[in-house]
């Protein structure tokens, strides 16, 4: 009998990346919700900040704010954009992020129905190119830096609109994600 070489199991990387981030960088993964039961997730430096396992995820726009210098989470919050008037509180939450913060945003279900100009303005001020294009049940993910510039090669935003002829889930588009590595602040 011939012996068969077995490849070792791949080593798990931070935020489930396929390859490790370079030294002195943070790993991140943003995943929008998809369908009724596939909840949005925000992972930063291997810590799940928003997701079903944390209990901190809901319909609407889910946001995590992280201190860029320390890499520590500052706040997480979700804002229902289908019911209630949550656009103003969301705009204030975004504006309250301190300088030198990273902001991560993902949608689950509907992030646009009650999204008003004040919140769109706050998100657009952070560099969003798609916030004004959001539609009912669009899947959307966005990464922003407040008070500093991210390197130009980092993917910051992605959107996928609901289209009943192409939707992966009945009435919902497929989830989308962006992931990458953010260089840590110079010491």
Protein backbone atom coordinates (compact mmCIF):
# COMPACT_ATOMS: atom_id res chain seq x y z
CA UNK A 1 0.00 0.00 0.00
CA UNK A 2 1.27 3.45 -0.93
CA UNK A 3 1.39 6.11 1.71
CA UNK A 4 -0.50 9.26 0.87
CA UNK A 5 0.79 12.63 1.93
CA UNK A 6 -1.88 14.64 3.65
CA UNK A 7 -1.68 18.39 3.53
CA UNK A 8 -1.93 20.03 6.92
CA UNK A 9 -5.09 21.95 7.67
CA UNK A 10 -4.66 25.61 6.77
CA UNK A 11 -3.83 27.85 9.70
CA UNK A 12 -6.73 30.07 10.70
CA UNK A 13 -6.06 33.76 10.08
CA UNK A 14 -7.59 36.79 11.81
CA UNK A 15 -11.17 37.54 10.73
CA UNK A 16 -11.01 34.32 8.67
CA UNK A 17 -8.81 35.82 5.95
CA UNK A 18 -7.18 33.33 3.58
CA UNK A 19 -3.76 34.86 4.17
CA UNK A 20 -2.33 36.66 7.15
CA UNK A 21 -2.14 40.43 7.24
CA UNK A 22 1.36 41.93 7.31
CA UNK A 23 2.87 42.72 10.72
CA UNK A 24 1.69 45.99 12.25
CA UNK A 25 -1.69 45.92 10.56
CA UNK A 26 -5.29 45.23 11.54
CA UNK A 27 -7.39 42.58 9.79
CA UNK A 28 -11.02 43.42 9.04
CA UNK A 29 -14.01 41.85 7.34
CA UNK A 30 -17.37 43.50 6.65
CA UNK A 31 -20.24 41.25 5.59
CA UNK A 32 -23.73 42.56 4.85
CA UNK A 33 -26.78 40.57 5.76
CA UNK A 34 -28.32 38.33 3.15
CA UNK A 35 -31.84 36.98 3.29
CA UNK A 36 -33.93 36.80 6.40
CA UNK A 37 -31.52 34.71 8.51
CA UNK A 38 -28.03 35.60 7.30
CA UNK A 39 -27.06 38.40 9.65
CA UNK A 40 -24.50 41.12 9.00
CA UNK A 41 -21.04 40.84 10.57
CA UNK A 42 -18.21 43.21 11.38
CA UNK A 43 -14.90 41.62 12.40
CA UNK A 44 -11.92 43.74 13.41
CA UNK A 45 -8.54 42.33 14.39
CA UNK A 46 -10.19 38.94 15.03
CA UNK A 47 -12.92 40.31 17.31
CA UNK A 48 -16.53 39.98 16.16
CA UNK A 49 -17.93 43.45 16.88
CA UNK A 50 -21.31 42.99 15.17
CA UNK A 51 -22.94 39.66 14.42
CA UNK A 52 -25.48 37.10 15.46
CA UNK A 53 -23.12 35.55 18.05
CA UNK A 54 -22.68 38.93 19.78
CA UNK A 55 -26.39 39.74 19.86
CA UNK A 56 -25.47 43.17 18.49
CA UNK A 57 -27.00 43.04 15.01
CA UNK A 58 -30.41 44.03 13.68
CA UNK A 59 -32.35 45.21 10.69
CA UNK A 60 -31.05 48.46 9.27
CA UNK A 61 -27.55 49.95 9.36
CA UNK A 62 -25.14 48.39 11.85
CA UNK A 63 -22.12 50.50 12.83
CA UNK A 64 -18.92 49.86 14.80
CA UNK A 65 -16.46 52.59 15.80
CA UNK A 66 -12.86 51.60 16.63
CA UNK A 67 -9.98 53.69 17.99
CA UNK A 68 -7.38 53.60 15.21
CA UNK A 69 -4.44 54.15 17.57
CA UNK A 70 -5.26 51.43 20.13
CA UNK A 71 -7.36 49.12 17.96
CA UNK A 72 -9.98 48.98 20.72
CA UNK A 73 -13.71 49.16 19.97
CA UNK A 74 -15.32 52.41 21.12
CA UNK A 75 -19.00 51.73 20.35
CA UNK A 76 -21.36 49.56 18.34
CA UNK A 77 -24.94 50.38 17.46
CA UNK A 78 -27.64 49.42 15.00
CA UNK A 79 -30.23 51.74 13.52
CA UNK A 80 -33.51 50.40 12.14
CA UNK A 81 -34.21 52.19 8.88
CA UNK A 82 -37.54 50.48 8.23
CA UNK A 83 -39.48 51.54 11.34
CA UNK A 84 -39.10 54.52 13.62
CA UNK A 85 -37.17 57.74 13.21
CA UNK A 86 -33.56 56.58 13.63
CA UNK A 87 -31.85 58.63 10.95
CA UNK A 88 -31.11 61.61 13.26
CA UNK A 89 -29.73 59.45 16.10
CA UNK A 90 -27.56 57.61 13.56
CA UNK A 91 -26.18 60.88 12.16
CA UNK A 92 -25.34 62.03 15.71
CA UNK A 93 -23.71 58.66 16.51
CA UNK A 94 -21.49 58.94 13.41
CA UNK A 95 -20.63 62.58 14.14
CA UNK A 96 -19.75 61.69 17.75
CA UNK A 97 -16.95 59.36 16.63
CA UNK A 98 -13.67 60.87 17.81
CA UNK A 99 -10.89 61.90 15.44
CA UNK A 100 -8.55 59.02 14.52
CA UNK A 101 -11.44 56.53 14.47
CA UNK A 102 -12.32 53.76 12.05
CA UNK A 103 -16.01 53.42 11.24
CA UNK A 104 -17.43 50.18 9.84
CA UNK A 105 -20.99 50.06 8.46
CA UNK A 106 -23.05 47.13 7.13
CA UNK A 107 -26.71 46.69 6.26
CA UNK A 108 -29.05 43.90 7.16
CA UNK A 109 -32.46 43.80 5.46
CA UNK A 110 -33.44 47.42 4.78
CA UNK A 111 -31.05 50.31 5.31
CA UNK A 112 -32.72 52.96 3.16
CA UNK A 113 -36.48 53.39 3.67
CA UNK A 114 -36.21 55.99 6.47
CA UNK A 115 -32.65 57.11 5.78
CA UNK A 116 -32.82 60.90 5.70
CA UNK A 117 -30.53 63.60 4.34
CA UNK A 118 -28.78 64.28 7.69
CA UNK A 119 -27.53 60.69 7.95
CA UNK A 120 -26.66 60.54 4.24
CA UNK A 121 -24.68 63.77 4.62
CA UNK A 122 -22.77 62.38 7.63
CA UNK A 123 -21.88 59.18 5.76
CA UNK A 124 -21.03 61.02 2.56
CA UNK A 125 -18.72 63.33 4.56
CA UNK A 126 -16.74 60.20 5.49
CA UNK A 127 -16.22 59.39 1.81
CA UNK A 128 -19.16 57.21 0.80
CA UNK A 129 -19.88 57.25 -2.92
CA UNK A 130 -22.90 54.91 -2.72
CA UNK A 131 -25.03 56.09 0.23
CA UNK A 132 -27.32 58.14 -2.03
CA UNK A 133 -27.75 55.13 -4.34
CA UNK A 134 -29.12 52.82 -1.64
CA UNK A 135 -32.50 51.27 -2.38
CA UNK A 136 -34.90 49.06 -0.46
CA UNK A 137 -32.93 46.02 0.78
CA UNK A 138 -29.67 46.97 -0.93
CA UNK A 139 -26.71 45.09 0.55
CA UNK A 140 -24.10 47.71 1.49
CA UNK A 141 -20.77 47.71 3.35
CA UNK A 142 -18.59 50.75 4.06
CA UNK A 143 -15.27 51.43 5.80
CA UNK A 144 -14.29 54.98 6.74
CA UNK A 145 -11.56 56.81 8.61
CA UNK A 146 -12.30 59.94 10.60
CA UNK A 147 -9.48 62.43 11.07
CA UNK A 148 -6.91 60.62 8.91
CA UNK A 149 -6.56 59.04 5.45
CA UNK A 150 -6.60 55.33 4.73
CA UNK A 151 -4.10 54.04 2.16
CA UNK A 152 -5.48 54.35 -1.37
CA UNK A 153 -5.44 50.60 -2.10
CA UNK A 154 -7.99 49.68 0.56
CA UNK A 155 -11.46 48.81 -0.72
CA UNK A 156 -13.86 51.01 1.24
CA UNK A 157 -17.33 50.39 -0.10
CA UNK A 158 -19.50 47.92 -1.98
CA UNK A 159 -23.20 47.82 -2.83
CA UNK A 160 -25.56 45.24 -4.33
CA UNK A 161 -29.15 46.19 -5.13
CA UNK A 162 -32.18 43.98 -4.71
CA UNK A 163 -33.36 42.70 -8.08
CA UNK A 164 -36.16 40.13 -8.01
CA UNK A 165 -34.94 38.54 -11.25
CA UNK A 166 -31.45 37.95 -9.79
CA UNK A 167 -31.89 37.84 -5.99
CA UNK A 168 -30.19 34.96 -4.24
CA UNK A 169 -32.83 34.89 -1.53
CA UNK A 170 -36.51 35.57 -2.19
CA UNK A 171 -36.83 39.36 -1.93
CA UNK A 172 -33.19 39.86 -0.85
CA UNK A 173 -29.94 40.20 -2.76
CA UNK A 174 -26.92 38.12 -1.79
CA UNK A 175 -24.69 39.26 1.01
CA UNK A 176 -21.53 41.13 0.01
CA UNK A 177 -18.24 41.63 1.77
CA UNK A 178 -15.01 43.52 1.78
CA UNK A 179 -11.96 42.51 3.75
CA UNK A 180 -8.39 43.55 4.05
CA UNK A 181 -5.61 44.86 6.22
CA UNK A 182 -5.28 48.37 7.60
CA UNK A 183 -1.76 49.50 8.55
CA UNK A 184 -1.52 50.45 12.22
CA UNK A 185 -0.74 54.03 13.15
CA UNK A 186 3.01 54.78 13.31
CA UNK A 187 4.27 54.81 16.88
